[in-house]
């Protein structure tokens, strides 16, 4: 029998958490309608053995091994093997709630191309629901506008269900370590005719395992989302280009924030100057018109009151 939903789970050296995630998948209220593709991306710990044990015990789990190529390649392998009418993604160190795929399947119905629910960021004992309560059925332009301006359509895949036909031959970009979800999701949204959003309830726990990440050294990979956002701008329909420009400025802000927090400005002076130039050249009026209020405040502070921005960021971040 063809499964309704193929859930693609990339796994790499997560022996301490993958079983918990697989148990959460097995506890899904519509588990009998799922196939769960466990893509072992060359793990060197016990992750592979754990995944194999689940696949041997239950045919709903399928174990696939590949040499280490990165999370995007693992997800692409899952896309190439998926048999379901719908596609979902799950990270092997997170916790999907039991009703996740039932809620997404009910949301997508018979006409929508993508369904979206809310998720919760979990920082140790602290839980932060991402969005307020919001329900909408969006056409293509509305969905692109919501995504680009930061309203209820975040750069994550795990809280969404995709109709397989809208993905088609699309794959995640390789060679990208930050921003690959964003690029893939945008390409899918350019094809989607209807997107259903319901953020009244959170059905996915996104677990932050390393809360000291902001203290680690800066990587040039933090510049990748800026380049990806520039590429997105170039293929955005003309009527929505102001929103794409606002999105690019948002990614500039994120890259600049990492540069400053990790004290890498002196190491990448040309990049720093270029990011600052882009910020200062952007119209405050457009910033207000085409961005969420949170993004507006962030950009204004980072552009004109950098010390205050960094102080608030350090105080308010989880």
C-alpha atoms as a PDB file:
ATOM      1  CA  UNK A   1       0.000   0.000   0.000  1.00  0.00           C
ATOM      2  CA  UNK A   2       1.315   3.450  -0.907  1.00  0.00           C
ATOM      3  CA  UNK A   3       1.979   5.513   2.225  1.00  0.00           C
ATOM      4  CA  UNK A   4       0.294   8.873   2.574  1.00  0.00           C
ATOM      5  CA  UNK A   5       3.366  10.623   3.978  1.00  0.00           C
ATOM      6  CA  UNK A   6       7.081   9.983   3.537  1.00  0.00           C
ATOM      7  CA  UNK A   7       8.984  11.400   6.502  1.00  0.00           C
ATOM      8  CA  UNK A   8      12.646  12.012   5.646  1.00  0.00           C
ATOM      9  CA  UNK A   9      15.013  11.848   8.627  1.00  0.00           C
ATOM     10  CA  UNK A  10      18.729  12.591   8.034  1.00  0.00           C
ATOM     11  CA  UNK A  11      20.895  10.933  10.694  1.00  0.00           C
ATOM     12  CA  UNK A  12      24.515  11.680  11.464  1.00  0.00           C
ATOM     13  CA  UNK A  13      26.217  10.760  14.743  1.00  0.00           C
ATOM     14  CA  UNK A  14      23.159  11.209  16.929  1.00  0.00           C
ATOM     15  CA  UNK A  15      23.243   7.974  18.894  1.00  0.00           C
ATOM     16  CA  UNK A  16      22.278   9.835  22.071  1.00  0.00           C
ATOM     17  CA  UNK A  17      19.016  11.209  20.670  1.00  0.00           C
ATOM     18  CA  UNK A  18      17.843   9.348  17.576  1.00  0.00           C
ATOM     19  CA  UNK A  19      15.940   6.615  19.444  1.00  0.00           C
ATOM     20  CA  UNK A  20      13.903   9.243  21.289  1.00  0.00           C
ATOM     21  CA  UNK A  21      12.992  10.869  17.978  1.00  0.00           C
ATOM     22  CA  UNK A  22      12.070   7.532  16.391  1.00  0.00           C
ATOM     23  CA  UNK A  23       9.859   6.692  19.358  1.00  0.00           C
ATOM     24  CA  UNK A  24       8.115  10.038  18.874  1.00  0.00           C
ATOM     25  CA  UNK A  25       7.556   9.151  15.225  1.00  0.00           C
ATOM     26  CA  UNK A  26       6.236   5.733  16.154  1.00  0.00           C
ATOM     27  CA  UNK A  27       3.784   7.448  18.534  1.00  0.00           C
ATOM     28  CA  UNK A  28       2.191   9.461  15.708  1.00  0.00           C
ATOM     29  CA  UNK A  29      -1.599   9.187  15.673  1.00  0.00           C
ATOM     30  CA  UNK A  30      -1.511   8.274  11.968  1.00  0.00           C
ATOM     31  CA  UNK A  31       1.634   6.139  12.141  1.00  0.00           C
ATOM     32  CA  UNK A  32       0.049   3.505   9.902  1.00  0.00           C
ATOM     33  CA  UNK A  33      -0.048   6.069   7.074  1.00  0.00           C
ATOM     34  CA  UNK A  34       3.662   6.911   7.276  1.00  0.00           C
ATOM     35  CA  UNK A  35       6.880   5.635   5.812  1.00  0.00           C
ATOM     36  CA  UNK A  36       9.932   6.886   7.678  1.00  0.00           C
ATOM     37  CA  UNK A  37      13.139   7.100   5.670  1.00  0.00           C
ATOM     38  CA  UNK A  38      16.194   6.989   7.933  1.00  0.00           C
ATOM     39  CA  UNK A  39      19.078   8.328   5.866  1.00  0.00           C
ATOM     40  CA  UNK A  40      22.324   7.494   7.652  1.00  0.00           C
ATOM     41  CA  UNK A  41      24.842  10.012   6.343  1.00  0.00           C
ATOM     42  CA  UNK A  42      27.925   7.961   7.181  1.00  0.00           C
ATOM     43  CA  UNK A  43      27.595   7.944  10.975  1.00  0.00           C
ATOM     44  CA  UNK A  44      30.616   6.707  12.894  1.00  0.00           C
ATOM     45  CA  UNK A  45      28.772   6.105  16.183  1.00  0.00           C
ATOM     46  CA  UNK A  46      25.893   3.757  17.018  1.00  0.00           C
ATOM     47  CA  UNK A  47      23.295   5.791  15.103  1.00  0.00           C
ATOM     48  CA  UNK A  48      23.257   3.370  12.184  1.00  0.00           C
ATOM     49  CA  UNK A  49      22.790   0.326  14.390  1.00  0.00           C
ATOM     50  CA  UNK A  50      19.915   2.013  16.235  1.00  0.00           C
ATOM     51  CA  UNK A  51      18.184   2.929  12.979  1.00  0.00           C
ATOM     52  CA  UNK A  52      18.689  -0.561  11.583  1.00  0.00           C
ATOM     53  CA  UNK A  53      17.076  -2.079  14.662  1.00  0.00           C
ATOM     54  CA  UNK A  54      13.944   0.018  14.102  1.00  0.00           C
ATOM     55  CA  UNK A  55      13.853  -0.906  10.399  1.00  0.00           C
ATOM     56  CA  UNK A  56      14.174  -4.604  11.225  1.00  0.00           C
ATOM     57  CA  UNK A  57      11.389  -4.414  13.796  1.00  0.00           C
ATOM     58  CA  UNK A  58       8.888  -2.387  11.777  1.00  0.00           C
ATOM     59  CA  UNK A  59       8.581  -2.080   7.969  1.00  0.00           C
ATOM     60  CA  UNK A  60       7.363   1.516   8.325  1.00  0.00           C
ATOM     61  CA  UNK A  61      11.003   2.427   9.013  1.00  0.00           C
ATOM     62  CA  UNK A  62      13.404   2.180   6.071  1.00  0.00           C
ATOM     63  CA  UNK A  63      17.141   2.383   6.683  1.00  0.00           C
ATOM     64  CA  UNK A  64      19.398   3.777   3.940  1.00  0.00           C
ATOM     65  CA  UNK A  65      23.148   4.268   4.291  1.00  0.00           C
ATOM     66  CA  UNK A  66      25.295   6.654   2.275  1.00  0.00           C
ATOM     67  CA  UNK A  67      28.825   7.953   2.615  1.00  0.00           C
ATOM     68  CA  UNK A  68      28.974  11.257   4.464  1.00  0.00           C
ATOM     69  CA  UNK A  69      27.818  14.051   2.135  1.00  0.00           C
ATOM     70  CA  UNK A  70      25.930  16.434   4.414  1.00  0.00           C
ATOM     71  CA  UNK A  71      22.342  16.971   5.477  1.00  0.00           C
ATOM     72  CA  UNK A  72      21.153  18.302   2.100  1.00  0.00           C
ATOM     73  CA  UNK A  73      22.456  15.249   0.258  1.00  0.00           C
ATOM     74  CA  UNK A  74      20.784  13.018   2.847  1.00  0.00           C
ATOM     75  CA  UNK A  75      17.460  14.774   2.379  1.00  0.00           C
ATOM     76  CA  UNK A  76      17.845  14.563  -1.391  1.00  0.00           C
ATOM     77  CA  UNK A  77      18.434  10.821  -1.092  1.00  0.00           C
ATOM     78  CA  UNK A  78      15.191  10.607   0.846  1.00  0.00           C
ATOM     79  CA  UNK A  79      13.356  12.578  -1.828  1.00  0.00           C
ATOM     80  CA  UNK A  80      14.617  10.187  -4.506  1.00  0.00           C
ATOM     81  CA  UNK A  81      13.337   7.148  -2.571  1.00  0.00           C
ATOM     82  CA  UNK A  82      10.092   8.512  -1.120  1.00  0.00           C
ATOM     83  CA  UNK A  83       6.888   6.694  -2.085  1.00  0.00           C
ATOM     84  CA  UNK A  84       4.389   8.907  -0.285  1.00  0.00           C
ATOM     85  CA  UNK A  85       1.852  11.296  -1.750  1.00  0.00           C
ATOM     86  CA  UNK A  86       3.192  13.907   0.661  1.00  0.00           C
ATOM     87  CA  UNK A  87       6.677  14.756   1.940  1.00  0.00           C
ATOM     88  CA  UNK A  88       7.720  15.773   5.445  1.00  0.00           C
ATOM     89  CA  UNK A  89      11.103  16.343   7.039  1.00  0.00           C
ATOM     90  CA  UNK A  90      12.134  15.601  10.610  1.00  0.00           C
ATOM     91  CA  UNK A  91      15.467  16.162  12.361  1.00  0.00           C
ATOM     92  CA  UNK A  92      16.882  13.206  14.275  1.00  0.00           C
ATOM     93  CA  UNK A  93      17.407  15.179  17.471  1.00  0.00           C
ATOM     94  CA  UNK A  94      13.976  16.836  17.742  1.00  0.00           C
ATOM     95  CA  UNK A  95      10.601  15.737  19.104  1.00  0.00           C
ATOM     96  CA  UNK A  96       7.533  15.728  16.853  1.00  0.00           C
ATOM     97  CA  UNK A  97       4.351  15.717  18.910  1.00  0.00           C
ATOM     98  CA  UNK A  98       1.947  12.770  18.388  1.00  0.00           C
ATOM     99  CA  UNK A  99      -0.600  14.834  16.421  1.00  0.00           C
ATOM    100  CA  UNK A 100       1.921  16.496  14.077  1.00  0.00           C
ATOM    101  CA  UNK A 101       1.291  14.593  10.859  1.00  0.00           C
ATOM    102  CA  UNK A 102      -2.430  14.210  11.485  1.00  0.00           C
ATOM    103  CA  UNK A 103      -2.729  17.984  11.851  1.00  0.00           C
ATOM    104  CA  UNK A 104      -0.645  18.603   8.732  1.00  0.00           C
ATOM    105  CA  UNK A 105      -2.579  16.047   6.674  1.00  0.00           C
ATOM    106  CA  UNK A 106      -5.910  17.515   7.745  1.00  0.00           C
ATOM    107  CA  UNK A 107      -4.577  20.984   6.982  1.00  0.00           C
ATOM    108  CA  UNK A 108      -3.367  20.233   3.482  1.00  0.00           C
ATOM    109  CA  UNK A 109      -6.713  18.656   2.535  1.00  0.00           C
ATOM    110  CA  UNK A 110      -7.387  17.974  -1.121  1.00  0.00           C
ATOM    111  CA  UNK A 111      -6.310  21.261  -2.690  1.00  0.00           C
ATOM    112  CA  UNK A 112      -3.391  22.835  -0.811  1.00  0.00           C
ATOM    113  CA  UNK A 113       0.221  22.261  -1.847  1.00  0.00           C
ATOM    114  CA  UNK A 114       1.777  23.020   1.551  1.00  0.00           C
ATOM    115  CA  UNK A 115       0.466  22.882   5.122  1.00  0.00           C
ATOM    116  CA  UNK A 116       2.176  24.716   7.993  1.00  0.00           C
ATOM    117  CA  UNK A 117       1.785  24.374  11.764  1.00  0.00           C
ATOM    118  CA  UNK A 118       3.665  26.017  14.597  1.00  0.00           C
ATOM    119  CA  UNK A 119       6.715  24.737  16.467  1.00  0.00           C
ATOM    120  CA  UNK A 120       8.355  25.361  19.817  1.00  0.00           C
ATOM    121  CA  UNK A 121      11.994  26.281  20.376  1.00  0.00           C
ATOM    122  CA  UNK A 122      13.293  24.397  23.401  1.00  0.00           C
ATOM    123  CA  UNK A 123      16.307  25.778  25.274  1.00  0.00           C
ATOM    124  CA  UNK A 124      16.920  23.318  28.102  1.00  0.00           C
ATOM    125  CA  UNK A 125      13.939  23.798  30.427  1.00  0.00           C
ATOM    126  CA  UNK A 126      12.710  26.891  28.619  1.00  0.00           C
ATOM    127  CA  UNK A 127      10.058  26.523  25.905  1.00  0.00           C
ATOM    128  CA  UNK A 128       9.217  29.335  23.465  1.00  0.00           C
ATOM    129  CA  UNK A 129       6.336  28.881  21.021  1.00  0.00           C
ATOM    130  CA  UNK A 130       7.417  30.478  17.751  1.00  0.00           C
ATOM    131  CA  UNK A 131       4.245  32.245  16.634  1.00  0.00           C
ATOM    132  CA  UNK A 132       0.962  33.550  17.890  1.00  0.00           C
ATOM    133  CA  UNK A 133      -2.336  32.041  16.780  1.00  0.00           C
ATOM    134  CA  UNK A 134      -2.900  32.582  13.061  1.00  0.00           C
ATOM    135  CA  UNK A 135      -5.000  30.813  10.436  1.00  0.00           C
ATOM    136  CA  UNK A 136      -4.993  31.531   6.720  1.00  0.00           C
ATOM    137  CA  UNK A 137      -5.304  29.961   3.305  1.00  0.00           C
ATOM    138  CA  UNK A 138      -2.784  31.806   1.138  1.00  0.00           C
ATOM    139  CA  UNK A 139      -2.475  32.011  -2.613  1.00  0.00           C
ATOM    140  CA  UNK A 140       0.966  32.011  -4.191  1.00  0.00           C
ATOM    141  CA  UNK A 141       1.618  35.750  -3.951  1.00  0.00           C
ATOM    142  CA  UNK A 142       0.368  35.900  -0.381  1.00  0.00           C
ATOM    143  CA  UNK A 143       2.538  32.945   0.638  1.00  0.00           C
ATOM    144  CA  UNK A 144       5.655  34.417  -0.969  1.00  0.00           C
ATOM    145  CA  UNK A 145       4.969  37.765   0.686  1.00  0.00           C
ATOM    146  CA  UNK A 146       4.501  36.109   4.095  1.00  0.00           C
ATOM    147  CA  UNK A 147       7.717  34.138   3.712  1.00  0.00           C
ATOM    148  CA  UNK A 148       9.820  37.068   2.546  1.00  0.00           C
ATOM    149  CA  UNK A 149       8.542  39.457   5.221  1.00  0.00           C
ATOM    150  CA  UNK A 150       8.813  36.988   8.102  1.00  0.00           C
ATOM    151  CA  UNK A 151       5.144  36.368   8.830  1.00  0.00           C
ATOM    152  CA  UNK A 152       4.435  32.773   9.943  1.00  0.00           C
ATOM    153  CA  UNK A 153       6.481  31.070   7.205  1.00  0.00           C
ATOM    154  CA  UNK A 154       9.944  30.542   8.665  1.00  0.00           C
ATOM    155  CA  UNK A 155      13.031  29.124   6.949  1.00  0.00           C
ATOM    156  CA  UNK A 156      12.434  25.646   8.362  1.00  0.00           C
ATOM    157  CA  UNK A 157      11.056  22.490   6.810  1.00  0.00           C
ATOM    158  CA  UNK A 158      10.142  20.375   9.828  1.00  0.00           C
ATOM    159  CA  UNK A 159       6.788  22.064  10.579  1.00  0.00           C
ATOM    160  CA  UNK A 160       5.492  21.684   7.036  1.00  0.00           C
ATOM    161  CA  UNK A 161       3.891  19.072   4.787  1.00  0.00           C
ATOM    162  CA  UNK A 162       4.463  19.222   1.033  1.00  0.00           C
ATOM    163  CA  UNK A 163       2.398  17.670  -1.712  1.00  0.00           C
ATOM    164  CA  UNK A 164       4.874  15.524  -3.617  1.00  0.00           C
ATOM    165  CA  UNK A 165       3.749  16.877  -6.965  1.00  0.00           C
ATOM    166  CA  UNK A 166       4.658  20.471  -6.040  1.00  0.00           C
ATOM    167  CA  UNK A 167       8.225  19.441  -5.172  1.00  0.00           C
ATOM    168  CA  UNK A 168       8.663  17.515  -8.410  1.00  0.00           C
ATOM    169  CA  UNK A 169      12.353  17.269  -9.275  1.00  0.00           C
ATOM    170  CA  UNK A 170      13.466  20.027  -6.895  1.00  0.00           C
ATOM    171  CA  UNK A 171      16.302  19.179  -4.510  1.00  0.00           C
ATOM    172  CA  UNK A 172      18.146  20.958  -1.735  1.00  0.00           C
ATOM    173  CA  UNK A 173      21.299  22.820  -2.811  1.00  0.00           C
ATOM    174  CA  UNK A 174      24.568  21.021  -2.102  1.00  0.00           C
ATOM    175  CA  UNK A 175      27.685  22.660  -0.699  1.00  0.00           C
ATOM    176  CA  UNK A 176      25.613  24.926   1.550  1.00  0.00           C
ATOM    177  CA  UNK A 177      25.740  24.504   5.329  1.00  0.00           C
ATOM    178  CA  UNK A 178      23.566  27.468   6.368  1.00  0.00           C
ATOM    179  CA  UNK A 179      20.435  28.492   4.479  1.00  0.00           C
ATOM    180  CA  UNK A 180      19.757  25.362   2.421  1.00  0.00           C
ATOM    181  CA  UNK A 181      16.247  25.027   3.919  1.00  0.00           C
ATOM    182  CA  UNK A 182      15.476  28.617   2.958  1.00  0.00           C
ATOM    183  CA  UNK A 183      16.549  28.160  -0.658  1.00  0.00           C
ATOM    184  CA  UNK A 184      14.629  24.906  -1.094  1.00  0.00           C
ATOM    185  CA  UNK A 185      11.479  26.231   0.554  1.00  0.00           C
ATOM    186  CA  UNK A 186      11.492  29.330  -1.620  1.00  0.00           C
ATOM    187  CA  UNK A 187      11.752  27.270  -4.797  1.00  0.00           C
ATOM    188  CA  UNK A 188       8.783  25.171  -3.658  1.00  0.00           C
ATOM    189  CA  UNK A 189       6.762  28.277  -2.785  1.00  0.00           C
ATOM    190  CA  UNK A 190       7.341  29.588  -6.310  1.00  0.00           C
ATOM    191  CA  UNK A 191       5.406  26.531  -7.507  1.00  0.00           C
ATOM    192  CA  UNK A 192       2.737  26.352  -4.813  1.00  0.00           C
ATOM    193  CA  UNK A 193      -0.735  27.636  -5.635  1.00  0.00           C
ATOM    194  CA  UNK A 194      -2.205  27.281  -2.141  1.00  0.00           C
ATOM    195  CA  UNK A 195      -0.576  27.249   1.305  1.00  0.00           C
ATOM    196  CA  UNK A 196      -2.571  26.583   4.475  1.00  0.00           C
ATOM    197  CA  UNK A 197      -1.174  28.035   7.717  1.00  0.00           C
ATOM    198  CA  UNK A 198      -2.464  27.228  11.204  1.00  0.00           C
ATOM    199  CA  UNK A 199      -0.220  28.278  14.071  1.00  0.00           C
ATOM    200  CA  UNK A 200      -2.761  28.024  16.872  1.00  0.00           C
ATOM    201  CA  UNK A 201      -0.985  24.951  18.220  1.00  0.00           C
ATOM    202  CA  UNK A 202       2.636  23.793  18.299  1.00  0.00           C
ATOM    203  CA  UNK A 203       3.244  20.228  17.183  1.00  0.00           C
ATOM    204  CA  UNK A 204       7.045  20.088  16.962  1.00  0.00           C
ATOM    205  CA  UNK A 205       9.755  20.647  19.553  1.00  0.00           C
ATOM    206  CA  UNK A 206      12.902  22.092  17.987  1.00  0.00           C
ATOM    207  CA  UNK A 207      15.626  21.259  20.495  1.00  0.00           C
ATOM    208  CA  UNK A 208      18.661  23.505  20.857  1.00  0.00           C
ATOM    209  CA  UNK A 209      21.399  21.106  21.891  1.00  0.00           C
ATOM    210  CA  UNK A 210      24.340  23.543  21.990  1.00  0.00           C
ATOM    211  CA  UNK A 211      23.447  26.775  23.710  1.00  0.00           C
ATOM    212  CA  UNK A 212      27.051  27.970  23.565  1.00  0.00           C
ATOM    213  CA  UNK A 213      27.093  28.102  19.754  1.00  0.00           C
ATOM    214  CA  UNK A 214      27.185  31.906  19.755  1.00  0.00           C
ATOM    215  CA  UNK A 215      30.543  31.721  21.540  1.00  0.00           C
ATOM    216  CA  UNK A 216      32.138  29.607  18.833  1.00  0.00           C
ATOM    217  CA  UNK A 217      34.370  31.065  16.165  1.00  0.00           C
ATOM    218  CA  UNK A 218      32.906  32.761  13.098  1.00  0.00           C
ATOM    219  CA  UNK A 219      32.618  30.756   9.902  1.00  0.00           C
ATOM    220  CA  UNK A 220      32.386  32.179   6.357  1.00  0.00           C
ATOM    221  CA  UNK A 221      29.326  29.940   6.009  1.00  0.00           C
ATOM    222  CA  UNK A 222      27.372  32.701   7.772  1.00  0.00           C
ATOM    223  CA  UNK A 223      27.663  34.699   4.550  1.00  0.00           C
ATOM    224  CA  UNK A 224      25.939  31.947   2.530  1.00  0.00           C
ATOM    225  CA  UNK A 225      22.332  32.994   3.301  1.00  0.00           C
ATOM    226  CA  UNK A 226      23.086  36.491   1.988  1.00  0.00           C
ATOM    227  CA  UNK A 227      24.160  35.057  -1.371  1.00  0.00           C
ATOM    228  CA  UNK A 228      21.168  32.702  -1.406  1.00  0.00           C
ATOM    229  CA  UNK A 229      18.795  35.563  -0.642  1.00  0.00           C
ATOM    230  CA  UNK A 230      20.332  37.593  -3.480  1.00  0.00           C
ATOM    231  CA  UNK A 231      19.655  34.669  -5.838  1.00  0.00           C
ATOM    232  CA  UNK A 232      16.078  34.505  -4.545  1.00  0.00           C
ATOM    233  CA  UNK A 233      15.632  38.211  -5.278  1.00  0.00           C
ATOM    234  CA  UNK A 234      16.680  37.687  -8.876  1.00  0.00           C
ATOM    235  CA  UNK A 235      13.945  35.103  -9.514  1.00  0.00           C
ATOM    236  CA  UNK A 236      11.203  36.839  -7.540  1.00  0.00           C
ATOM    237  CA  UNK A 237       8.219  38.139  -9.552  1.00  0.00           C
ATOM    238  CA  UNK A 238       8.498  41.886 -10.127  1.00  0.00           C
ATOM    239  CA  UNK A 239       5.461  42.712  -8.001  1.00  0.00           C
ATOM    240  CA  UNK A 240       7.085  41.051  -4.983  1.00  0.00           C
ATOM    241  CA  UNK A 241      10.656  42.275  -5.427  1.00  0.00           C
ATOM    242  CA  UNK A 242      10.330  44.883  -2.639  1.00  0.00           C
ATOM    243  CA  UNK A 243       9.604  42.025  -0.232  1.00  0.00           C
ATOM    244  CA  UNK A 244      12.571  40.062  -1.562  1.00  0.00           C
ATOM    245  CA  UNK A 245      14.798  43.099  -1.078  1.00  0.00           C
ATOM    246  CA  UNK A 246      13.578  43.351   2.513  1.00  0.00           C
ATOM    247  CA  UNK A 247      14.352  39.668   2.991  1.00  0.00           C
ATOM    248  CA  UNK A 248      17.879  40.212   1.692  1.00  0.00           C
ATOM    249  CA  UNK A 249      18.388  43.000   4.228  1.00  0.00           C
ATOM    250  CA  UNK A 250      17.180  40.638   6.956  1.00  0.00           C
ATOM    251  CA  UNK A 251      19.822  38.094   5.960  1.00  0.00           C
ATOM    252  CA  UNK A 252      22.423  40.875   5.890  1.00  0.00           C
ATOM    253  CA  UNK A 253      21.433  41.701   9.475  1.00  0.00           C
ATOM    254  CA  UNK A 254      21.866  38.092  10.551  1.00  0.00           C
ATOM    255  CA  UNK A 255      25.316  37.824   8.968  1.00  0.00           C
ATOM    256  CA  UNK A 256      26.374  41.131  10.498  1.00  0.00           C
ATOM    257  CA  UNK A 257      25.115  40.016  13.907  1.00  0.00           C
ATOM    258  CA  UNK A 258      27.281  36.889  13.777  1.00  0.00           C
ATOM    259  CA  UNK A 259      30.287  38.950  12.683  1.00  0.00           C
ATOM    260  CA  UNK A 260      29.900  41.287  15.629  1.00  0.00           C
ATOM    261  CA  UNK A 261      29.011  38.765  18.326  1.00  0.00           C
ATOM    262  CA  UNK A 262      31.867  36.484  17.371  1.00  0.00           C
ATOM    263  CA  UNK A 263      34.254  39.457  17.156  1.00  0.00           C
ATOM    264  CA  UNK A 264      35.211  38.651  13.555  1.00  0.00           C
ATOM    265  CA  UNK A 265      34.902  42.166  12.119  1.00  0.00           C
ATOM    266  CA  UNK A 266      38.686  42.601  11.940  1.00  0.00           C
ATOM    267  CA  UNK A 267      39.102  39.232  10.215  1.00  0.00           C
ATOM    268  CA  UNK A 268      36.563  40.053   7.478  1.00  0.00           C
ATOM    269  CA  UNK A 269      36.792  43.860   7.111  1.00  0.00           C
ATOM    270  CA  UNK A 270      35.628  43.959   3.486  1.00  0.00           C
ATOM    271  CA  UNK A 271      32.605  41.802   4.243  1.00  0.00           C
ATOM    272  CA  UNK A 272      31.780  43.959   7.238  1.00  0.00           C
ATOM    273  CA  UNK A 273      31.954  47.153   5.194  1.00  0.00           C
ATOM    274  CA  UNK A 274      29.823  45.658   2.433  1.00  0.00           C
ATOM    275  CA  UNK A 275      27.142  44.478   4.861  1.00  0.00           C
ATOM    276  CA  UNK A 276      27.076  47.871   6.578  1.00  0.00           C
ATOM    277  CA  UNK A 277      26.836  49.610   3.203  1.00  0.00           C
ATOM    278  CA  UNK A 278      23.825  47.496   2.224  1.00  0.00           C
ATOM    279  CA  UNK A 279      22.079  48.292   5.495  1.00  0.00           C
ATOM    280  CA  UNK A 280      22.633  52.026   5.281  1.00  0.00           C
ATOM    281  CA  UNK A 281      21.536  52.167   1.640  1.00  0.00           C
ATOM    282  CA  UNK A 282      18.191  50.551   2.391  1.00  0.00           C
ATOM    283  CA  UNK A 283      15.180  52.812   2.827  1.00  0.00           C
ATOM    284  CA  UNK A 284      13.729  52.953   6.347  1.00  0.00           C
ATOM    285  CA  UNK A 285      10.321  53.533   4.764  1.00  0.00           C
ATOM    286  CA  UNK A 286      10.609  50.298   2.779  1.00  0.00           C
ATOM    287  CA  UNK A 287      11.920  48.533   5.847  1.00  0.00           C
ATOM    288  CA  UNK A 288       8.723  49.434   7.697  1.00  0.00           C
ATOM    289  CA  UNK A 289       6.441  48.608   4.774  1.00  0.00           C
ATOM    290  CA  UNK A 290       7.817  45.225   3.734  1.00  0.00           C
ATOM    291  CA  UNK A 291       9.040  43.618   6.967  1.00  0.00           C
ATOM    292  CA  UNK A 292       7.599  42.288  10.176  1.00  0.00           C
ATOM    293  CA  UNK A 293       7.776  44.698  13.128  1.00  0.00           C
ATOM    294  CA  UNK A 294      10.449  42.559  14.792  1.00  0.00           C
ATOM    295  CA  UNK A 295      12.652  42.688  11.693  1.00  0.00           C
ATOM    296  CA  UNK A 296      12.078  46.430  11.413  1.00  0.00           C
ATOM    297  CA  UNK A 297      13.272  47.096  14.971  1.00  0.00           C
ATOM    298  CA  UNK A 298      16.237  44.740  14.572  1.00  0.00           C
ATOM    299  CA  UNK A 299      17.426  46.406  11.374  1.00  0.00           C
ATOM    300  CA  UNK A 300      17.018  49.973  12.632  1.00  0.00           C
ATOM    301  CA  UNK A 301      18.968  49.227  15.815  1.00  0.00           C
ATOM    302  CA  UNK A 302      21.710  47.359  14.007  1.00  0.00           C
ATOM    303  CA  UNK A 303      22.069  50.164  11.457  1.00  0.00           C
ATOM    304  CA  UNK A 304      21.927  53.184  13.720  1.00  0.00           C
ATOM    305  CA  UNK A 305      22.516  51.978  17.300  1.00  0.00           C
ATOM    306  CA  UNK A 306      24.867  49.019  17.089  1.00  0.00           C
ATOM    307  CA  UNK A 307      26.043  48.995  20.747  1.00  0.00           C
ATOM    308  CA  UNK A 308      22.451  49.099  22.004  1.00  0.00           C
ATOM    309  CA  UNK A 309      21.454  46.337  19.585  1.00  0.00           C
ATOM    310  CA  UNK A 310      24.258  44.041  20.780  1.00  0.00           C
ATOM    311  CA  UNK A 311      23.452  44.765  24.431  1.00  0.00           C
ATOM    312  CA  UNK A 312      19.777  43.905  23.943  1.00  0.00           C
ATOM    313  CA  UNK A 313      20.576  40.849  21.849  1.00  0.00           C
ATOM    314  CA  UNK A 314      22.815  39.388  24.555  1.00  0.00           C
ATOM    315  CA  UNK A 315      20.280  40.174  27.281  1.00  0.00           C
ATOM    316  CA  UNK A 316      17.169  38.923  25.521  1.00  0.00           C
ATOM    317  CA  UNK A 317      18.337  35.853  23.601  1.00  0.00           C
ATOM    318  CA  UNK A 318      17.596  32.518  25.341  1.00  0.00           C
END
